[in-house]
Amino acid sequence: MVKAVVLVKSPKKLIAARLRRVKYVYDSFAVSGQFDAIALIDVNELSEIKDVTTEIQNIRGVERTETLVQVV
């Protein structure tokens, strides 16, 4: 299992709820600061992270993302 945190910049108020609909996102919530929401993802293979982040980037209103992969 590979876990990652995706930081999302979006002016949309309900972006955290939209993030929860993405496959492999097991939690998301709004935050204050430079980013507006965080999505927590859990995939089987490292290569799947790109697919998840691409899906998040394609959500209407998402301006940019930054992905942090857990290192163990």
N, C-alpha and C. Protein backbone atom coordinates (compact mmCIF):
# COMPACT_ATOMS: atom_id res chain seq x y z
N MET A 1 0.84 -1.18 0.00
CA MET A 1 0.00 0.00 0.00
C MET A 1 0.89 1.24 0.00
N VAL A 2 0.48 2.20 -0.79
CA VAL A 2 1.19 3.47 -0.87
C VAL A 2 0.20 4.57 -0.49
N LYS A 3 0.59 5.41 0.45
CA LYS A 3 -0.27 6.50 0.89
C LYS A 3 0.33 7.81 0.44
N ALA A 4 -0.57 8.78 0.17
CA ALA A 4 -0.12 10.10 -0.24
C ALA A 4 -1.13 11.14 0.23
N VAL A 5 -0.64 12.37 0.31
CA VAL A 5 -1.47 13.52 0.64
C VAL A 5 -1.46 14.41 -0.59
N VAL A 6 -2.64 14.81 -1.04
CA VAL A 6 -2.73 15.73 -2.18
C VAL A 6 -3.28 17.05 -1.66
N LEU A 7 -2.47 18.09 -1.80
CA LEU A 7 -2.89 19.43 -1.41
C LEU A 7 -3.58 20.06 -2.61
N VAL A 8 -4.75 20.66 -2.40
CA VAL A 8 -5.56 21.16 -3.51
C VAL A 8 -5.86 22.64 -3.32
N LYS A 9 -5.60 23.42 -4.37
CA LYS A 9 -5.93 24.84 -4.40
C LYS A 9 -7.18 24.99 -5.25
N SER A 10 -8.26 25.49 -4.66
CA SER A 10 -9.52 25.67 -5.36
C SER A 10 -10.39 26.65 -4.60
N PRO A 11 -10.96 27.65 -5.29
CA PRO A 11 -11.84 28.59 -4.62
C PRO A 11 -13.23 28.01 -4.33
N LYS A 12 -13.51 26.82 -4.84
CA LYS A 12 -14.82 26.20 -4.63
C LYS A 12 -14.99 25.80 -3.17
N LYS A 13 -16.12 26.16 -2.59
CA LYS A 13 -16.38 25.89 -1.17
C LYS A 13 -16.52 24.40 -0.87
N LEU A 14 -17.08 23.64 -1.78
CA LEU A 14 -17.37 22.23 -1.52
C LEU A 14 -16.34 21.29 -2.14
N ILE A 15 -15.15 21.78 -2.39
CA ILE A 15 -14.15 20.95 -3.06
C ILE A 15 -13.80 19.70 -2.24
N ALA A 16 -13.77 19.81 -0.93
CA ALA A 16 -13.43 18.64 -0.10
C ALA A 16 -14.45 17.52 -0.29
N ALA A 17 -15.72 17.87 -0.41
CA ALA A 17 -16.76 16.86 -0.64
C ALA A 17 -16.59 16.22 -2.02
N ARG A 18 -16.23 16.99 -3.01
CA ARG A 18 -16.00 16.44 -4.35
C ARG A 18 -14.80 15.50 -4.36
N LEU A 19 -13.79 15.83 -3.59
CA LEU A 19 -12.59 14.99 -3.55
C LEU A 19 -12.91 13.59 -3.02
N ARG A 20 -13.86 13.51 -2.10
CA ARG A 20 -14.21 12.20 -1.50
C ARG A 20 -14.81 11.25 -2.53
N ARG A 21 -15.30 11.76 -3.65
CA ARG A 21 -15.90 10.91 -4.68
C ARG A 21 -14.86 10.26 -5.59
N VAL A 22 -13.61 10.69 -5.48
CA VAL A 22 -12.54 10.14 -6.33
C VAL A 22 -12.10 8.80 -5.76
N LYS A 23 -11.98 7.82 -6.65
CA LYS A 23 -11.55 6.49 -6.23
C LYS A 23 -10.19 6.57 -5.56
N TYR A 24 -10.01 5.86 -4.49
CA TYR A 24 -8.80 5.77 -3.67
C TYR A 24 -8.63 6.93 -2.68
N VAL A 25 -9.51 7.93 -2.72
CA VAL A 25 -9.47 8.99 -1.71
C VAL A 25 -10.26 8.47 -0.52
N TYR A 26 -9.59 8.28 0.62
CA TYR A 26 -10.30 7.75 1.79
C TYR A 26 -10.71 8.83 2.77
N ASP A 27 -10.20 10.05 2.59
CA ASP A 27 -10.65 11.17 3.42
C ASP A 27 -10.24 12.46 2.74
N SER A 28 -10.99 13.51 2.98
CA SER A 28 -10.63 14.84 2.50
C SER A 28 -11.28 15.86 3.41
N PHE A 29 -10.65 17.01 3.50
CA PHE A 29 -11.18 18.05 4.36
C PHE A 29 -10.62 19.40 3.95
N ALA A 30 -11.36 20.45 4.29
CA ALA A 30 -10.93 21.82 4.00
C ALA A 30 -9.86 22.23 5.00
N VAL A 31 -8.95 23.08 4.55
CA VAL A 31 -7.89 23.61 5.42
C VAL A 31 -7.72 25.10 5.14
N SER A 32 -7.05 25.77 6.06
CA SER A 32 -6.72 27.17 5.83
C SER A 32 -5.26 27.25 5.42
N GLY A 33 -4.89 28.33 4.77
CA GLY A 33 -3.51 28.51 4.35
C GLY A 33 -3.38 28.58 2.85
N GLN A 34 -2.24 28.21 2.35
CA GLN A 34 -1.95 28.31 0.92
C GLN A 34 -2.85 27.41 0.08
N PHE A 35 -3.26 26.26 0.62
CA PHE A 35 -4.15 25.35 -0.08
C PHE A 35 -5.52 25.37 0.59
N ASP A 36 -6.52 24.88 -0.12
CA ASP A 36 -7.90 24.95 0.37
C ASP A 36 -8.44 23.61 0.87
N ALA A 37 -7.85 22.53 0.42
CA ALA A 37 -8.33 21.20 0.84
C ALA A 37 -7.18 20.20 0.76
N ILE A 38 -7.37 19.11 1.48
CA ILE A 38 -6.41 18.00 1.46
C ILE A 38 -7.18 16.72 1.17
N ALA A 39 -6.61 15.91 0.27
CA ALA A 39 -7.16 14.59 -0.01
C ALA A 39 -6.14 13.55 0.43
N LEU A 40 -6.57 12.57 1.19
CA LEU A 40 -5.71 11.47 1.62
C LEU A 40 -6.01 10.28 0.72
N ILE A 41 -4.97 9.74 0.08
CA ILE A 41 -5.19 8.63 -0.84
C ILE A 41 -4.38 7.42 -0.40
N ASP A 42 -4.89 6.25 -0.78
CA ASP A 42 -4.27 4.98 -0.47
C ASP A 42 -4.43 4.09 -1.70
N VAL A 43 -3.31 3.77 -2.35
CA VAL A 43 -3.32 2.95 -3.56
C VAL A 43 -2.44 1.72 -3.36
N ASN A 44 -2.54 0.79 -4.28
CA ASN A 44 -1.74 -0.43 -4.20
C ASN A 44 -0.33 -0.24 -4.76
N GLU A 45 -0.21 0.54 -5.83
CA GLU A 45 1.06 0.73 -6.51
C GLU A 45 1.38 2.22 -6.63
N LEU A 46 2.65 2.55 -6.56
CA LEU A 46 3.08 3.94 -6.68
C LEU A 46 2.59 4.58 -7.97
N SER A 47 2.57 3.82 -9.06
CA SER A 47 2.16 4.37 -10.35
C SER A 47 0.69 4.81 -10.38
N GLU A 48 -0.13 4.29 -9.47
CA GLU A 48 -1.55 4.67 -9.43
C GLU A 48 -1.77 6.08 -8.89
N ILE A 49 -0.79 6.61 -8.19
CA ILE A 49 -0.92 7.96 -7.64
C ILE A 49 -1.13 8.97 -8.76
N LYS A 50 -0.43 8.80 -9.86
CA LYS A 50 -0.58 9.73 -10.99
C LYS A 50 -2.01 9.73 -11.51
N ASP A 51 -2.63 8.56 -11.60
CA ASP A 51 -4.01 8.47 -12.08
C ASP A 51 -4.97 9.22 -11.15
N VAL A 52 -4.77 9.07 -9.85
CA VAL A 52 -5.63 9.72 -8.87
C VAL A 52 -5.44 11.24 -8.93
N THR A 53 -4.19 11.69 -8.98
CA THR A 53 -3.96 13.13 -9.03
C THR A 53 -4.47 13.75 -10.32
N THR A 54 -4.37 13.03 -11.42
CA THR A 54 -4.92 13.53 -12.69
C THR A 54 -6.43 13.68 -12.59
N GLU A 55 -7.10 12.72 -11.97
CA GLU A 55 -8.54 12.83 -11.79
C GLU A 55 -8.90 14.03 -10.91
N ILE A 56 -8.13 14.25 -9.86
CA ILE A 56 -8.37 15.40 -8.99
C ILE A 56 -8.15 16.70 -9.77
N GLN A 57 -7.10 16.77 -10.57
CA GLN A 57 -6.81 17.97 -11.34
C GLN A 57 -7.89 18.27 -12.38
N ASN A 58 -8.62 17.26 -12.79
CA ASN A 58 -9.68 17.45 -13.78
C ASN A 58 -11.01 17.88 -13.17
N ILE A 59 -11.10 17.96 -11.85
CA ILE A 59 -12.32 18.44 -11.20
C ILE A 59 -12.44 19.93 -11.48
N ARG A 60 -13.63 20.35 -11.88
CA ARG A 60 -13.86 21.76 -12.19
C ARG A 60 -13.55 22.61 -10.96
N GLY A 61 -12.77 23.65 -11.16
CA GLY A 61 -12.43 24.56 -10.09
C GLY A 61 -11.08 24.30 -9.43
N VAL A 62 -10.48 23.15 -9.69
CA VAL A 62 -9.16 22.88 -9.12
C VAL A 62 -8.12 23.67 -9.91
N GLU A 63 -7.41 24.53 -9.22
CA GLU A 63 -6.41 25.38 -9.86
C GLU A 63 -5.05 24.71 -9.91
N ARG A 64 -4.67 24.04 -8.82
CA ARG A 64 -3.39 23.33 -8.80
C ARG A 64 -3.38 22.34 -7.65
N THR A 65 -2.45 21.40 -7.73
CA THR A 65 -2.29 20.41 -6.67
C THR A 65 -0.81 20.23 -6.37
N GLU A 66 -0.56 19.70 -5.21
CA GLU A 66 0.79 19.28 -4.84
C GLU A 66 0.65 17.95 -4.12
N THR A 67 1.44 16.98 -4.51
CA THR A 67 1.32 15.63 -3.97
C THR A 67 2.54 15.29 -3.11
N LEU A 68 2.25 14.77 -1.92
CA LEU A 68 3.29 14.34 -0.99
C LEU A 68 3.11 12.85 -0.76
N VAL A 69 4.11 12.06 -1.14
CA VAL A 69 4.03 10.60 -1.02
C VAL A 69 4.70 10.17 0.27
N GLN A 70 4.04 9.29 0.99
CA GLN A 70 4.60 8.78 2.25
C GLN A 70 5.85 7.96 1.95
N VAL A 71 6.89 8.20 2.73
CA VAL A 71 8.13 7.47 2.60
C VAL A 71 8.29 6.58 3.82
N VAL A 72 8.45 5.27 3.59
CA VAL A 72 8.62 4.34 4.70
C VAL A 72 9.89 3.54 4.54
